[in-house]
Amino acid sequence: KDLDATFRRNFKDTLYIGWQYFGSKYGVMRTYPGLHEKSPIDPRYRPWYVDGSTYPRHLLLMVDTTGSMYGYPMKLARIVAEKLIQTLSEHDLVNIILYNSTHVTGPSSCFEGLVRAIPE
């Protein structure tokens, strides 16, 4: 309830604390000592918040590569896939299946099942 008092007490009682952060599920963020920022920062999109508030995800992307996906639909599918992959952390598992009317490729032939979503 009294976040400022908690921040001050933690700062006084603990020598190794430099900055303290609080992020609520409603997007409210507080730092101590305070910062003056010109643009609002939503903590729900910061890695420390996502890692602490979600379970590891298992994501299997299925991408339609038939002729009907030629051009803009494929571009849009690629953008969506990239955005989904960007939300993953090292705790998540992922793989991709490509399919068309005659053939299915995947999950990726060099891996069995889902693989850890790491930046490499």
Protein backbone atom coordinates (compact mmCIF):
# COMPACT_ATOMS: atom_id res chain seq x y z
CA LYS A 1 0.00 0.00 0.00
CA ASP A 2 2.74 2.45 0.90
CA LEU A 3 5.20 1.89 -1.92
CA ASP A 4 7.30 5.00 -1.20
CA ALA A 5 7.90 3.94 2.41
CA THR A 6 8.90 0.45 1.24
CA PHE A 7 11.29 1.89 -1.33
CA ARG A 8 12.89 4.19 1.27
CA ARG A 9 13.19 1.39 3.85
CA ASN A 10 14.78 -1.00 1.32
CA PHE A 11 17.20 1.72 0.19
CA LYS A 12 18.20 2.55 3.80
CA ASP A 13 18.47 -1.05 5.05
CA THR A 14 20.29 -2.62 2.10
CA LEU A 15 23.68 -1.31 0.97
CA TYR A 16 23.70 -3.00 -2.43
CA ILE A 17 20.35 -1.72 -3.74
CA GLY A 18 20.78 1.12 -6.21
CA TRP A 19 17.49 1.15 -8.12
CA GLN A 20 14.13 -0.38 -7.31
CA TYR A 21 11.38 -1.08 -9.82
CA PHE A 22 7.72 -1.85 -9.41
CA GLY A 23 5.50 -2.89 -12.32
CA SER A 24 1.83 -3.70 -11.89
CA LYS A 25 -0.34 -5.90 -14.07
CA TYR A 26 -2.16 -2.73 -15.09
CA GLY A 27 0.93 -1.13 -16.65
CA VAL A 28 1.83 1.19 -13.77
CA MET A 29 5.57 1.49 -13.28
CA ARG A 30 7.48 3.14 -10.44
CA THR A 31 11.21 3.51 -9.95
CA TYR A 32 13.16 4.61 -6.90
CA PRO A 33 14.98 6.91 -6.89
CA GLY A 34 12.66 8.59 -9.38
CA LEU A 35 13.34 9.18 -13.05
CA HIS A 36 12.01 11.91 -15.30
CA GLU A 37 11.16 10.39 -18.67
CA LYS A 38 9.45 12.10 -21.57
CA SER A 39 7.65 8.99 -22.80
CA PRO A 40 5.68 6.54 -20.68
CA ILE A 41 7.22 3.10 -20.28
CA ASP A 42 4.88 0.14 -19.96
CA PRO A 43 6.61 -2.51 -17.80
CA ARG A 44 4.43 -5.25 -19.29
CA TYR A 45 6.68 -5.19 -22.36
CA ARG A 46 9.98 -5.37 -20.48
CA PRO A 47 11.79 -8.72 -20.40
CA TRP A 48 11.96 -8.86 -16.59
CA TYR A 49 8.19 -8.44 -16.35
CA VAL A 50 7.36 -10.95 -19.09
CA ASP A 51 9.72 -13.57 -17.62
CA GLY A 52 8.27 -13.11 -14.15
CA SER A 53 4.62 -13.10 -15.16
CA THR A 54 4.34 -15.86 -17.76
CA TYR A 55 4.87 -19.57 -17.95
CA PRO A 56 7.25 -21.00 -20.55
CA ARG A 57 5.45 -21.20 -23.88
CA HIS A 58 5.48 -23.98 -26.45
CA LEU A 59 4.96 -22.46 -29.90
CA LEU A 60 4.57 -24.44 -33.10
CA LEU A 61 4.15 -22.12 -36.08
CA MET A 62 2.36 -23.63 -39.06
CA VAL A 63 2.91 -21.60 -42.23
CA ASP A 64 0.80 -22.15 -45.35
CA THR A 65 3.07 -21.99 -48.44
CA THR A 66 0.43 -22.74 -51.06
CA GLY A 67 -0.06 -20.51 -54.10
CA SER A 68 -2.87 -18.63 -52.36
CA MET A 69 -0.23 -17.19 -50.00
CA TYR A 70 1.76 -15.59 -52.83
CA GLY A 71 2.62 -11.91 -52.40
CA TYR A 72 1.01 -9.86 -49.65
CA PRO A 73 -0.51 -12.79 -47.69
CA MET A 74 2.94 -14.43 -47.36
CA LYS A 75 4.52 -11.10 -46.41
CA LEU A 76 1.89 -10.66 -43.71
CA ALA A 77 2.38 -14.24 -42.46
CA ARG A 78 6.12 -13.62 -42.23
CA ILE A 79 5.63 -10.39 -40.27
CA VAL A 80 3.27 -12.13 -37.83
CA ALA A 81 5.70 -15.05 -37.38
CA GLU A 82 8.61 -12.68 -36.74
CA LYS A 83 6.59 -10.69 -34.19
CA LEU A 84 5.58 -13.88 -32.38
CA ILE A 85 9.17 -15.11 -32.29
CA GLN A 86 10.35 -11.74 -30.93
CA THR A 87 8.12 -12.24 -27.88
CA LEU A 88 9.83 -15.49 -26.92
CA SER A 89 12.37 -15.81 -24.13
CA GLU A 90 15.04 -18.39 -23.45
CA HIS A 91 12.49 -20.32 -21.38
CA ASP A 92 10.20 -20.89 -24.38
CA LEU A 93 10.22 -23.69 -26.96
CA VAL A 94 9.51 -23.19 -30.68
CA ASN A 95 9.57 -24.80 -34.12
CA ILE A 96 8.09 -24.18 -37.56
CA ILE A 97 6.11 -26.38 -39.96
CA LEU A 98 5.77 -25.29 -43.59
CA TYR A 99 2.99 -26.89 -45.61
CA ASN A 100 1.36 -26.73 -49.02
CA SER A 101 -1.17 -28.89 -50.86
CA THR A 102 1.33 -31.69 -51.57
CA HIS A 103 4.06 -31.55 -48.93
CA VAL A 104 4.70 -30.84 -45.24
CA THR A 105 8.15 -29.72 -44.10
CA GLY A 106 8.99 -29.72 -40.42
CA PRO A 107 9.35 -29.50 -37.66
CA SER A 108 12.83 -28.39 -38.65
CA SER A 109 14.58 -31.56 -39.81
CA CYS A 110 17.72 -30.99 -37.71
CA PHE A 111 15.73 -31.00 -34.45
CA GLU A 112 13.31 -33.39 -32.84
CA GLY A 113 10.21 -31.54 -31.68
CA LEU A 114 10.43 -28.08 -30.16
CA VAL A 115 13.73 -26.28 -29.53
CA ARG A 116 14.71 -23.63 -26.99
CA ALA A 117 14.06 -20.12 -28.27
CA ILE A 118 17.48 -18.50 -27.97
CA PRO A 119 18.72 -15.50 -29.96
CA GLU A 120 21.09 -17.52 -32.13
